[in-house]
Amino acid sequence: MICLAGFMGSGKTTVGTLLARQLAWRFVDLDARIEEAAGLAIPQIFEKLGELRFREIEAEQLRAALGRSAEMKEAAVLALGGGTYAQTGCPEFLRASGVPVVWLDSPLETLLARCMTMTGRPLFRDESSFRALHAQRLPSYQMADFRVDSSGDPSQVVAEILRRGIVTTVGGEAHLVVEKPNF
């Protein structure tokens, strides 16, 4: 398994879907698992149950996704939610689980432009709060095993992940290579 982390608008779902297709791995969207488990869309979870309950469901679904992948020995690309990797203990949990994390990083202006046209993001209120939330989460993202610029075309982002050898093929099976990012 490999996890994709990044701020809202970084392309986790789009890049993850393409990467999984390229590798012939299963794609798992953590936000979709959360919605399925709660029986509500993410904005409604925030509205009806609150952010704390959302984070609890998020943690449960992250553990379940990792457990399934390990139990079934199934290779998967897991797109984390924008705030998942910034939750206390998440980077350490994934590291202890041996799951490499790729931070899909884009300039703040690119992220902002992408999110201005999207709906269903309960933590996107306005530009000022967007910038503050990004600054708050940035130190967590910087803990990822890899950093890949996701400001370009998603197929080029996938090509960069593959070019850098983050995922390598040995004996017909894809294996992951973990290194510390260059910051």
N, C-alpha and C. Protein backbone atom coordinates (compact mmCIF):
# COMPACT_ATOMS: atom_id res chain seq x y z
N MET A 1 0.84 -1.18 0.00
CA MET A 1 0.00 0.00 0.00
C MET A 1 0.89 1.23 0.00
N ILE A 2 0.37 2.25 -0.62
CA ILE A 2 1.00 3.56 -0.61
C ILE A 2 -0.11 4.58 -0.33
N CYS A 3 0.20 5.58 0.48
CA CYS A 3 -0.78 6.63 0.79
C CYS A 3 -0.39 7.93 0.12
N LEU A 4 -1.40 8.65 -0.35
CA LEU A 4 -1.20 9.98 -0.90
C LEU A 4 -1.79 10.97 0.08
N ALA A 5 -0.97 11.92 0.51
CA ALA A 5 -1.40 12.95 1.45
C ALA A 5 -1.25 14.30 0.77
N GLY A 6 -1.97 15.27 1.27
CA GLY A 6 -1.84 16.62 0.75
C GLY A 6 -3.05 17.45 1.11
N PHE A 7 -2.89 18.73 0.94
CA PHE A 7 -3.96 19.67 1.27
C PHE A 7 -5.10 19.52 0.28
N MET A 8 -6.26 20.05 0.64
CA MET A 8 -7.39 19.98 -0.29
C MET A 8 -7.02 20.64 -1.61
N GLY A 9 -7.40 19.96 -2.69
CA GLY A 9 -7.09 20.47 -4.02
C GLY A 9 -5.75 20.01 -4.57
N SER A 10 -5.03 19.15 -3.83
CA SER A 10 -3.71 18.73 -4.29
C SER A 10 -3.77 17.62 -5.33
N GLY A 11 -4.92 16.99 -5.49
CA GLY A 11 -5.07 15.97 -6.52
C GLY A 11 -4.97 14.55 -6.04
N LYS A 12 -5.19 14.31 -4.75
CA LYS A 12 -5.03 12.97 -4.19
C LYS A 12 -5.92 11.93 -4.88
N THR A 13 -7.18 12.26 -5.07
CA THR A 13 -8.12 11.30 -5.68
C THR A 13 -7.80 11.12 -7.16
N THR A 14 -7.58 12.19 -7.86
CA THR A 14 -7.30 12.11 -9.30
C THR A 14 -5.99 11.37 -9.56
N VAL A 15 -4.93 11.78 -8.89
CA VAL A 15 -3.62 11.13 -9.07
C VAL A 15 -3.68 9.69 -8.56
N GLY A 16 -4.34 9.48 -7.44
CA GLY A 16 -4.44 8.13 -6.88
C GLY A 16 -5.14 7.16 -7.82
N THR A 17 -6.22 7.61 -8.43
CA THR A 17 -6.95 6.78 -9.38
C THR A 17 -6.06 6.41 -10.57
N LEU A 18 -5.37 7.40 -11.11
CA LEU A 18 -4.48 7.16 -12.26
C LEU A 18 -3.30 6.26 -11.88
N LEU A 19 -2.71 6.50 -10.71
CA LEU A 19 -1.57 5.71 -10.27
C LEU A 19 -1.99 4.25 -10.06
N ALA A 20 -3.12 4.05 -9.41
CA ALA A 20 -3.60 2.69 -9.17
C ALA A 20 -3.86 1.98 -10.49
N ARG A 21 -4.46 2.68 -11.43
CA ARG A 21 -4.72 2.09 -12.75
C ARG A 21 -3.41 1.71 -13.43
N GLN A 22 -2.43 2.58 -13.35
CA GLN A 22 -1.12 2.33 -13.98
C GLN A 22 -0.43 1.11 -13.37
N LEU A 23 -0.58 0.94 -12.06
CA LEU A 23 0.08 -0.17 -11.36
C LEU A 23 -0.77 -1.44 -11.32
N ALA A 24 -2.04 -1.33 -11.75
CA ALA A 24 -3.00 -2.43 -11.62
C ALA A 24 -3.21 -2.77 -10.14
N TRP A 25 -3.26 -1.73 -9.31
CA TRP A 25 -3.54 -1.86 -7.89
C TRP A 25 -4.97 -1.38 -7.65
N ARG A 26 -5.49 -1.65 -6.47
CA ARG A 26 -6.81 -1.16 -6.09
C ARG A 26 -6.67 0.28 -5.62
N PHE A 27 -7.65 1.11 -5.95
CA PHE A 27 -7.66 2.49 -5.46
C PHE A 27 -8.67 2.59 -4.33
N VAL A 28 -8.27 3.22 -3.23
CA VAL A 28 -9.14 3.43 -2.08
C VAL A 28 -9.14 4.92 -1.75
N ASP A 29 -10.32 5.50 -1.72
CA ASP A 29 -10.48 6.90 -1.35
C ASP A 29 -11.00 6.93 0.08
N LEU A 30 -10.19 7.41 1.01
CA LEU A 30 -10.58 7.41 2.42
C LEU A 30 -11.86 8.22 2.64
N ASP A 31 -12.01 9.34 1.95
CA ASP A 31 -13.23 10.13 2.11
C ASP A 31 -14.48 9.32 1.71
N ALA A 32 -14.37 8.53 0.64
CA ALA A 32 -15.51 7.70 0.21
C ALA A 32 -15.83 6.64 1.26
N ARG A 33 -14.79 6.07 1.87
CA ARG A 33 -15.01 5.08 2.94
C ARG A 33 -15.70 5.72 4.14
N ILE A 34 -15.30 6.94 4.46
CA ILE A 34 -15.91 7.66 5.59
C ILE A 34 -17.40 7.90 5.31
N GLU A 35 -17.70 8.37 4.10
CA GLU A 35 -19.10 8.63 3.74
C GLU A 35 -19.93 7.35 3.79
N GLU A 36 -19.36 6.26 3.30
CA GLU A 36 -20.07 4.98 3.32
C GLU A 36 -20.32 4.51 4.75
N ALA A 37 -19.31 4.62 5.60
CA ALA A 37 -19.44 4.18 6.99
C ALA A 37 -20.46 5.02 7.75
N ALA A 38 -20.49 6.32 7.48
CA ALA A 38 -21.40 7.21 8.20
C ALA A 38 -22.78 7.26 7.57
N GLY A 39 -22.88 6.87 6.32
CA GLY A 39 -24.15 6.98 5.62
C GLY A 39 -24.52 8.43 5.32
N LEU A 40 -23.52 9.28 5.31
CA LEU A 40 -23.72 10.72 5.07
C LEU A 40 -22.57 11.24 4.23
N ALA A 41 -22.83 12.30 3.48
CA ALA A 41 -21.75 12.99 2.77
C ALA A 41 -20.91 13.75 3.79
N ILE A 42 -19.66 14.00 3.45
CA ILE A 42 -18.75 14.65 4.40
C ILE A 42 -19.30 15.98 4.94
N PRO A 43 -19.84 16.87 4.09
CA PRO A 43 -20.39 18.11 4.67
C PRO A 43 -21.49 17.85 5.71
N GLN A 44 -22.31 16.82 5.48
CA GLN A 44 -23.37 16.50 6.44
C GLN A 44 -22.80 15.89 7.72
N ILE A 45 -21.70 15.13 7.59
CA ILE A 45 -21.06 14.58 8.80
C ILE A 45 -20.58 15.74 9.68
N PHE A 46 -19.92 16.71 9.06
CA PHE A 46 -19.46 17.88 9.81
C PHE A 46 -20.64 18.61 10.45
N GLU A 47 -21.70 18.80 9.67
CA GLU A 47 -22.85 19.57 10.13
C GLU A 47 -23.62 18.85 11.24
N LYS A 48 -23.88 17.55 11.06
CA LYS A 48 -24.74 16.81 11.99
C LYS A 48 -23.98 16.17 13.15
N LEU A 49 -22.76 15.72 12.88
CA LEU A 49 -22.02 14.98 13.90
C LEU A 49 -20.82 15.74 14.46
N GLY A 50 -20.35 16.74 13.71
CA GLY A 50 -19.22 17.55 14.15
C GLY A 50 -17.89 17.02 13.64
N GLU A 51 -16.89 17.90 13.68
CA GLU A 51 -15.56 17.51 13.19
C GLU A 51 -14.93 16.42 14.04
N LEU A 52 -15.14 16.44 15.35
CA LEU A 52 -14.53 15.43 16.22
C LEU A 52 -15.00 14.03 15.82
N ARG A 53 -16.31 13.86 15.61
CA ARG A 53 -16.83 12.55 15.20
C ARG A 53 -16.31 12.18 13.81
N PHE A 54 -16.22 13.18 12.92
CA PHE A 54 -15.66 12.92 11.59
C PHE A 54 -14.25 12.34 11.73
N ARG A 55 -13.43 12.95 12.59
CA ARG A 55 -12.05 12.49 12.76
C ARG A 55 -12.00 11.08 13.35
N GLU A 56 -12.95 10.75 14.23
CA GLU A 56 -13.01 9.40 14.78
C GLU A 56 -13.31 8.38 13.68
N ILE A 57 -14.30 8.70 12.84
CA ILE A 57 -14.66 7.81 11.73
C ILE A 57 -13.48 7.69 10.77
N GLU A 58 -12.83 8.81 10.52
CA GLU A 58 -11.66 8.84 9.63
C GLU A 58 -10.58 7.89 10.14
N ALA A 59 -10.27 7.95 11.42
CA ALA A 59 -9.24 7.08 12.02
C ALA A 59 -9.65 5.61 11.93
N GLU A 60 -10.94 5.33 12.20
CA GLU A 60 -11.44 3.96 12.10
C GLU A 60 -11.29 3.43 10.68
N GLN A 61 -11.65 4.24 9.71
CA GLN A 61 -11.60 3.81 8.31
C GLN A 61 -10.16 3.68 7.81
N LEU A 62 -9.27 4.51 8.30
CA LEU A 62 -7.85 4.38 7.94
C LEU A 62 -7.31 3.04 8.45
N ARG A 63 -7.59 2.74 9.70
CA ARG A 63 -7.14 1.45 10.26
C ARG A 63 -7.76 0.28 9.49
N ALA A 64 -9.04 0.40 9.14
CA ALA A 64 -9.72 -0.67 8.41
C ALA A 64 -9.12 -0.86 7.01
N ALA A 65 -8.82 0.22 6.34
CA ALA A 65 -8.24 0.14 4.98
C ALA A 65 -6.85 -0.52 5.04
N LEU A 66 -6.04 -0.13 6.01
CA LEU A 66 -4.72 -0.74 6.16
C LEU A 66 -4.84 -2.21 6.54
N GLY A 67 -5.78 -2.50 7.42
CA GLY A 67 -5.98 -3.89 7.85
C GLY A 67 -6.40 -4.78 6.70
N ARG A 68 -7.32 -4.29 5.87
CA ARG A 68 -7.78 -5.07 4.72
C ARG A 68 -6.62 -5.33 3.76
N SER A 69 -5.85 -4.29 3.47
CA SER A 69 -4.74 -4.42 2.53
C SER A 69 -3.73 -5.44 3.03
N ALA A 70 -3.42 -5.39 4.33
CA ALA A 70 -2.45 -6.32 4.91
C ALA A 70 -3.01 -7.74 4.95
N GLU A 71 -4.26 -7.86 5.39
CA GLU A 71 -4.89 -9.18 5.52
C GLU A 71 -5.03 -9.89 4.17
N MET A 72 -5.40 -9.12 3.16
CA MET A 72 -5.62 -9.72 1.84
C MET A 72 -4.37 -9.68 0.97
N LYS A 73 -3.28 -9.14 1.54
CA LYS A 73 -2.03 -8.98 0.78
C LYS A 73 -2.31 -8.29 -0.56
N GLU A 74 -3.10 -7.24 -0.44
CA GLU A 74 -3.59 -6.52 -1.62
C GLU A 74 -2.87 -5.19 -1.76
N ALA A 75 -2.27 -4.97 -2.91
CA ALA A 75 -1.60 -3.70 -3.18
C ALA A 75 -2.67 -2.65 -3.45
N ALA A 76 -2.54 -1.49 -2.83
CA ALA A 76 -3.54 -0.44 -3.00
C ALA A 76 -2.89 0.93 -2.89
N VAL A 77 -3.51 1.87 -3.58
CA VAL A 77 -3.17 3.29 -3.45
C VAL A 77 -4.30 3.90 -2.63
N LEU A 78 -3.96 4.48 -1.49
CA LEU A 78 -4.94 5.06 -0.59
C LEU A 78 -4.81 6.58 -0.60
N ALA A 79 -5.88 7.26 -1.04
CA ALA A 79 -5.92 8.72 -0.99
C ALA A 79 -6.47 9.12 0.37
N LEU A 80 -5.63 9.76 1.16
CA LEU A 80 -6.06 10.25 2.47
C LEU A 80 -6.90 11.50 2.28
N GLY A 81 -7.70 11.83 3.29
CA GLY A 81 -8.40 13.10 3.28
C GLY A 81 -7.39 14.22 3.51
N GLY A 82 -7.77 15.43 3.16
CA GLY A 82 -6.85 16.56 3.29
C GLY A 82 -6.31 16.78 4.69
N GLY A 83 -7.08 16.44 5.70
CA GLY A 83 -6.65 16.64 7.08
C GLY A 83 -6.16 15.39 7.77
N THR A 84 -6.28 14.25 7.11
CA THR A 84 -5.94 12.98 7.76
C THR A 84 -4.50 12.97 8.27
N TYR A 85 -3.56 13.29 7.40
CA TYR A 85 -2.14 13.19 7.76
C TYR A 85 -1.74 14.24 8.80
N ALA A 86 -2.57 15.25 8.96
CA ALA A 86 -2.28 16.31 9.94
C ALA A 86 -2.85 15.98 11.32
N GLN A 87 -3.53 14.85 11.44
CA GLN A 87 -4.09 14.48 12.74
C GLN A 87 -3.00 13.92 13.63
N THR A 88 -3.07 14.23 14.89
CA THR A 88 -2.07 13.79 15.86
C THR A 88 -1.89 12.27 15.78
N GLY A 89 -0.67 11.86 15.59
CA GLY A 89 -0.32 10.45 15.59
C GLY A 89 -0.42 9.77 14.23
N CYS A 90 -1.06 10.38 13.25
CA CYS A 90 -1.23 9.72 11.95
C CYS A 90 0.10 9.47 11.24
N PRO A 91 0.98 10.46 11.12
CA PRO A 91 2.26 10.17 10.45
C PRO A 91 3.03 9.03 11.13
N GLU A 92 3.02 9.03 12.45
CA GLU A 92 3.73 8.00 13.21
C GLU A 92 3.07 6.63 13.01
N PHE A 93 1.73 6.62 13.00
CA PHE A 93 0.98 5.38 12.81
C PHE A 93 1.30 4.76 11.44
N LEU A 94 1.29 5.59 10.40
CA LEU A 94 1.57 5.07 9.06
C LEU A 94 3.03 4.61 8.95
N ARG A 95 3.93 5.35 9.56
CA ARG A 95 5.35 4.96 9.53
C ARG A 95 5.53 3.62 10.25
N ALA A 96 4.90 3.48 11.42
CA ALA A 96 5.00 2.23 12.19
C ALA A 96 4.36 1.06 11.43
N SER A 97 3.36 1.37 10.61
CA SER A 97 2.69 0.35 9.80
C SER A 97 3.49 0.00 8.55
N GLY A 98 4.55 0.76 8.29
CA GLY A 98 5.38 0.51 7.11
C GLY A 98 4.75 0.98 5.81
N VAL A 99 3.82 1.92 5.92
CA VAL A 99 3.13 2.43 4.73
C VAL A 99 3.78 3.74 4.31
N PRO A 100 4.38 3.78 3.14
CA PRO A 100 4.98 5.02 2.66
C PRO A 100 3.92 6.06 2.31
N VAL A 101 4.25 7.30 2.55
CA VAL A 101 3.33 8.40 2.27
C VAL A 101 3.99 9.35 1.27
N VAL A 102 3.25 9.66 0.22
CA VAL A 102 3.68 10.64 -0.78
C VAL A 102 2.85 11.90 -0.56
N TRP A 103 3.54 12.99 -0.31
CA TRP A 103 2.89 14.30 -0.16
C TRP A 103 2.76 14.92 -1.55
N LEU A 104 1.52 15.10 -1.98
CA LEU A 104 1.26 15.79 -3.24
C LEU A 104 1.21 17.27 -2.90
N ASP A 105 2.24 17.98 -3.28
CA ASP A 105 2.41 19.38 -2.93
C ASP A 105 2.19 20.28 -4.14
N SER A 106 1.47 21.33 -3.92
CA SER A 106 1.26 22.36 -4.95
C SER A 106 1.39 23.72 -4.31
N PRO A 107 1.75 24.73 -5.09
CA PRO A 107 1.78 26.08 -4.53
C PRO A 107 0.40 26.46 -3.97
N LEU A 108 0.40 27.21 -2.91
CA LEU A 108 -0.84 27.61 -2.25
C LEU A 108 -1.82 28.25 -3.22
N GLU A 109 -1.32 29.08 -4.12
CA GLU A 109 -2.21 29.76 -5.08
C GLU A 109 -2.90 28.74 -6.00
N THR A 110 -2.20 27.69 -6.38
CA THR A 110 -2.79 26.63 -7.22
C THR A 110 -3.88 25.91 -6.45
N LEU A 111 -3.60 25.56 -5.20
CA LEU A 111 -4.59 24.88 -4.36
C LEU A 111 -5.83 25.75 -4.18
N LEU A 112 -5.61 27.00 -3.91
CA LEU A 112 -6.72 27.94 -3.72
C LEU A 112 -7.57 28.04 -4.98
N ALA A 113 -6.93 28.17 -6.13
CA ALA A 113 -7.66 28.28 -7.39
C ALA A 113 -8.49 27.02 -7.65
N ARG A 114 -7.93 25.86 -7.36
CA ARG A 114 -8.66 24.61 -7.56
C ARG A 114 -9.86 24.51 -6.62
N CYS A 115 -9.68 24.89 -5.38
CA CYS A 115 -10.74 24.74 -4.39
C CYS A 115 -11.86 25.76 -4.55
N MET A 116 -11.55 26.89 -5.16
CA MET A 116 -12.58 27.91 -5.37
C MET A 116 -13.70 27.38 -6.27
N THR A 117 -13.39 26.40 -7.11
CA THR A 117 -14.39 25.88 -8.04
C THR A 117 -15.03 24.58 -7.56
N MET A 118 -14.63 24.10 -6.37
CA MET A 118 -15.14 22.83 -5.86
C MET A 118 -16.18 23.07 -4.77
N THR A 119 -17.08 22.11 -4.65
CA THR A 119 -18.08 22.17 -3.58
C THR A 119 -17.84 20.99 -2.64
N GLY A 120 -18.54 20.98 -1.52
CA GLY A 120 -18.45 19.85 -0.60
C GLY A 120 -17.21 19.81 0.25
N ARG A 121 -16.61 20.96 0.50
CA ARG A 121 -15.42 21.01 1.36
C ARG A 121 -15.78 21.83 2.61
N PRO A 122 -16.14 21.12 3.68
CA PRO A 122 -16.64 21.83 4.86
C PRO A 122 -15.64 22.75 5.53
N LEU A 123 -14.34 22.53 5.33
CA LEU A 123 -13.35 23.40 5.98
C LEU A 123 -12.88 24.52 5.06
N PHE A 124 -13.44 24.59 3.84
CA PHE A 124 -13.11 25.71 2.96
C PHE A 124 -14.18 26.78 3.14
N ARG A 125 -13.79 27.86 3.80
CA ARG A 125 -14.74 28.93 4.06
C ARG A 125 -14.41 30.17 3.23
N ASP A 126 -13.16 30.58 3.32
CA ASP A 126 -12.72 31.77 2.60
C ASP A 126 -11.20 31.70 2.45
N GLU A 127 -10.64 32.61 1.72
CA GLU A 127 -9.21 32.58 1.44
C GLU A 127 -8.37 32.68 2.69
N SER A 128 -8.77 33.53 3.61
CA SER A 128 -7.99 33.73 4.83
C SER A 128 -7.92 32.45 5.68
N SER A 129 -9.07 31.81 5.89
CA SER A 129 -9.08 30.59 6.70
C SER A 129 -8.38 29.44 5.95
N PHE A 130 -8.48 29.44 4.62
CA PHE A 130 -7.80 28.45 3.78
C PHE A 130 -6.29 28.54 3.99
N ARG A 131 -5.76 29.78 3.92
CA ARG A 131 -4.33 29.99 4.11
C ARG A 131 -3.89 29.60 5.52
N ALA A 132 -4.70 29.91 6.52
CA ALA A 132 -4.36 29.58 7.90
C ALA A 132 -4.34 28.07 8.11
N LEU A 133 -5.33 27.37 7.55
CA LEU A 133 -5.39 25.91 7.68
C LEU A 133 -4.21 25.26 6.97
N HIS A 134 -3.86 25.77 5.81
CA HIS A 134 -2.71 25.25 5.07
C HIS A 134 -1.43 25.40 5.91
N ALA A 135 -1.23 26.58 6.48
CA ALA A 135 -0.04 26.83 7.30
C ALA A 135 -0.01 25.90 8.52
N GLN A 136 -1.17 25.64 9.09
CA GLN A 136 -1.27 24.76 10.25
C GLN A 136 -0.90 23.31 9.89
N ARG A 137 -1.32 22.87 8.72
CA ARG A 137 -1.10 21.47 8.32
C ARG A 137 0.26 21.22 7.66
N LEU A 138 0.89 22.26 7.15
CA LEU A 138 2.14 22.11 6.40
C LEU A 138 3.21 21.31 7.13
N PRO A 139 3.47 21.55 8.42
CA PRO A 139 4.51 20.76 9.10
C PRO A 139 4.23 19.26 9.09
N SER A 140 2.96 18.88 9.12
CA SER A 140 2.62 17.45 9.06
C SER A 140 2.95 16.88 7.69
N TYR A 141 2.53 17.59 6.64
CA TYR A 141 2.81 17.11 5.29
C TYR A 141 4.32 16.95 5.06
N GLN A 142 5.09 17.82 5.65
CA GLN A 142 6.55 17.78 5.47
C GLN A 142 7.17 16.53 6.11
N MET A 143 6.41 15.79 6.89
CA MET A 143 6.89 14.56 7.51
C MET A 143 6.74 13.36 6.57
N ALA A 144 6.12 13.55 5.41
CA ALA A 144 5.90 12.46 4.47
C ALA A 144 7.22 11.87 3.98
N ASP A 145 7.15 10.65 3.51
CA ASP A 145 8.34 9.97 3.01
C ASP A 145 8.84 10.57 1.70
N PHE A 146 7.90 11.07 0.90
CA PHE A 146 8.22 11.67 -0.40
C PHE A 146 7.42 12.94 -0.59
N ARG A 147 7.95 13.83 -1.40
CA ARG A 147 7.24 15.05 -1.81
C ARG A 147 7.28 15.09 -3.33
N VAL A 148 6.09 15.22 -3.93
CA VAL A 148 5.98 15.30 -5.38
C VAL A 148 5.13 16.51 -5.72
N ASP A 149 5.61 17.31 -6.65
CA ASP A 149 4.86 18.49 -7.09
C ASP A 149 3.62 18.02 -7.86
N SER A 150 2.45 18.43 -7.39
CA SER A 150 1.20 18.01 -8.03
C SER A 150 0.48 19.17 -8.72
N SER A 151 1.24 20.21 -9.04
CA SER A 151 0.60 21.39 -9.66
C SER A 151 0.36 21.21 -11.15
N GLY A 152 0.99 20.20 -11.74
CA GLY A 152 0.84 19.99 -13.19
C GLY A 152 -0.26 19.01 -13.52
N ASP A 153 -0.23 18.54 -14.75
CA ASP A 153 -1.20 17.57 -15.23
C ASP A 153 -1.08 16.29 -14.40
N PRO A 154 -2.23 15.71 -13.95
CA PRO A 154 -2.19 14.51 -13.11
C PRO A 154 -1.41 13.35 -13.72
N SER A 155 -1.47 13.16 -15.03
CA SER A 155 -0.72 12.07 -15.64
C SER A 155 0.79 12.30 -15.51
N GLN A 156 1.19 13.57 -15.51
CA GLN A 156 2.61 13.89 -15.32
C GLN A 156 3.03 13.66 -13.86
N VAL A 157 2.11 13.89 -12.93
CA VAL A 157 2.39 13.63 -11.52
C VAL A 157 2.61 12.14 -11.31
N VAL A 158 1.74 11.32 -11.91
CA VAL A 158 1.89 9.86 -11.83
C VAL A 158 3.23 9.45 -12.45
N ALA A 159 3.54 10.01 -13.60
CA ALA A 159 4.80 9.69 -14.27
C ALA A 159 5.99 10.05 -13.38
N GLU A 160 5.90 11.16 -12.65
CA GLU A 160 6.98 11.57 -11.75
C GLU A 160 7.12 10.58 -10.59
N ILE A 161 6.01 10.15 -10.04
CA ILE A 161 6.05 9.16 -8.95
C ILE A 161 6.74 7.90 -9.45
N LEU A 162 6.37 7.46 -10.63
CA LEU A 162 6.97 6.25 -11.19
C LEU A 162 8.43 6.48 -11.57
N ARG A 163 8.73 7.64 -12.16
CA ARG A 163 10.11 7.95 -12.57
C ARG A 163 11.06 7.98 -11.38
N ARG A 164 10.59 8.49 -10.26
CA ARG A 164 11.45 8.61 -9.08
C ARG A 164 11.67 7.29 -8.37
N GLY A 165 11.01 6.24 -8.83
CA GLY A 165 11.22 4.93 -8.22
C GLY A 165 10.55 4.77 -6.88
N ILE A 166 9.55 5.59 -6.61
CA ILE A 166 8.80 5.45 -5.35
C ILE A 166 8.12 4.08 -5.35
N VAL A 167 7.67 3.66 -6.51
CA VAL A 167 7.11 2.33 -6.69
C VAL A 167 7.96 1.65 -7.75
N THR A 168 8.51 0.49 -7.43
CA THR A 168 9.32 -0.24 -8.39
C THR A 168 8.73 -1.62 -8.59
N THR A 169 9.01 -2.21 -9.71
CA THR A 169 8.51 -3.55 -10.00
C THR A 169 9.65 -4.53 -9.91
N VAL A 170 9.44 -5.58 -9.10
CA VAL A 170 10.43 -6.62 -8.92
C VAL A 170 9.71 -7.96 -9.09
N GLY A 171 10.14 -8.76 -10.03
CA GLY A 171 9.53 -10.06 -10.23
C GLY A 171 8.06 -9.99 -10.55
N GLY A 172 7.64 -8.95 -11.25
CA GLY A 172 6.24 -8.83 -11.63
C GLY A 172 5.35 -8.19 -10.58
N GLU A 173 5.89 -7.98 -9.38
CA GLU A 173 5.09 -7.35 -8.34
C GLU A 173 5.66 -5.96 -8.06
N ALA A 174 4.78 -5.04 -7.75
CA ALA A 174 5.23 -3.69 -7.43
C ALA A 174 5.65 -3.64 -5.96
N HIS A 175 6.78 -3.03 -5.73
CA HIS A 175 7.29 -2.85 -4.37
C HIS A 175 7.58 -1.37 -4.17
N LEU A 176 7.55 -0.96 -2.93
CA LEU A 176 7.75 0.45 -2.63
C LEU A 176 9.14 0.68 -2.06
N VAL A 177 9.71 1.80 -2.41
CA VAL A 177 11.01 2.20 -1.92
C VAL A 177 10.79 3.44 -1.07
N VAL A 178 11.21 3.40 0.19
CA VAL A 178 10.98 4.53 1.08
C VAL A 178 12.27 5.28 1.33
N GLU A 179 12.20 6.58 1.17
CA GLU A 179 13.33 7.46 1.45
C GLU A 179 12.79 8.73 2.08
N LYS A 180 13.64 9.52 2.64
CA LYS A 180 13.20 10.79 3.22
C LYS A 180 13.16 11.83 2.10
N PRO A 181 12.17 12.74 2.17
CA PRO A 181 12.07 13.76 1.12
C PRO A 181 13.20 14.78 1.21
N ASN A 182 13.44 15.45 0.11
CA ASN A 182 14.44 16.52 0.09
C ASN A 182 13.75 17.85 0.31
N PHE A 183 13.87 18.39 1.50
CA PHE A 183 13.24 19.68 1.80
C PHE A 183 14.29 20.74 1.95
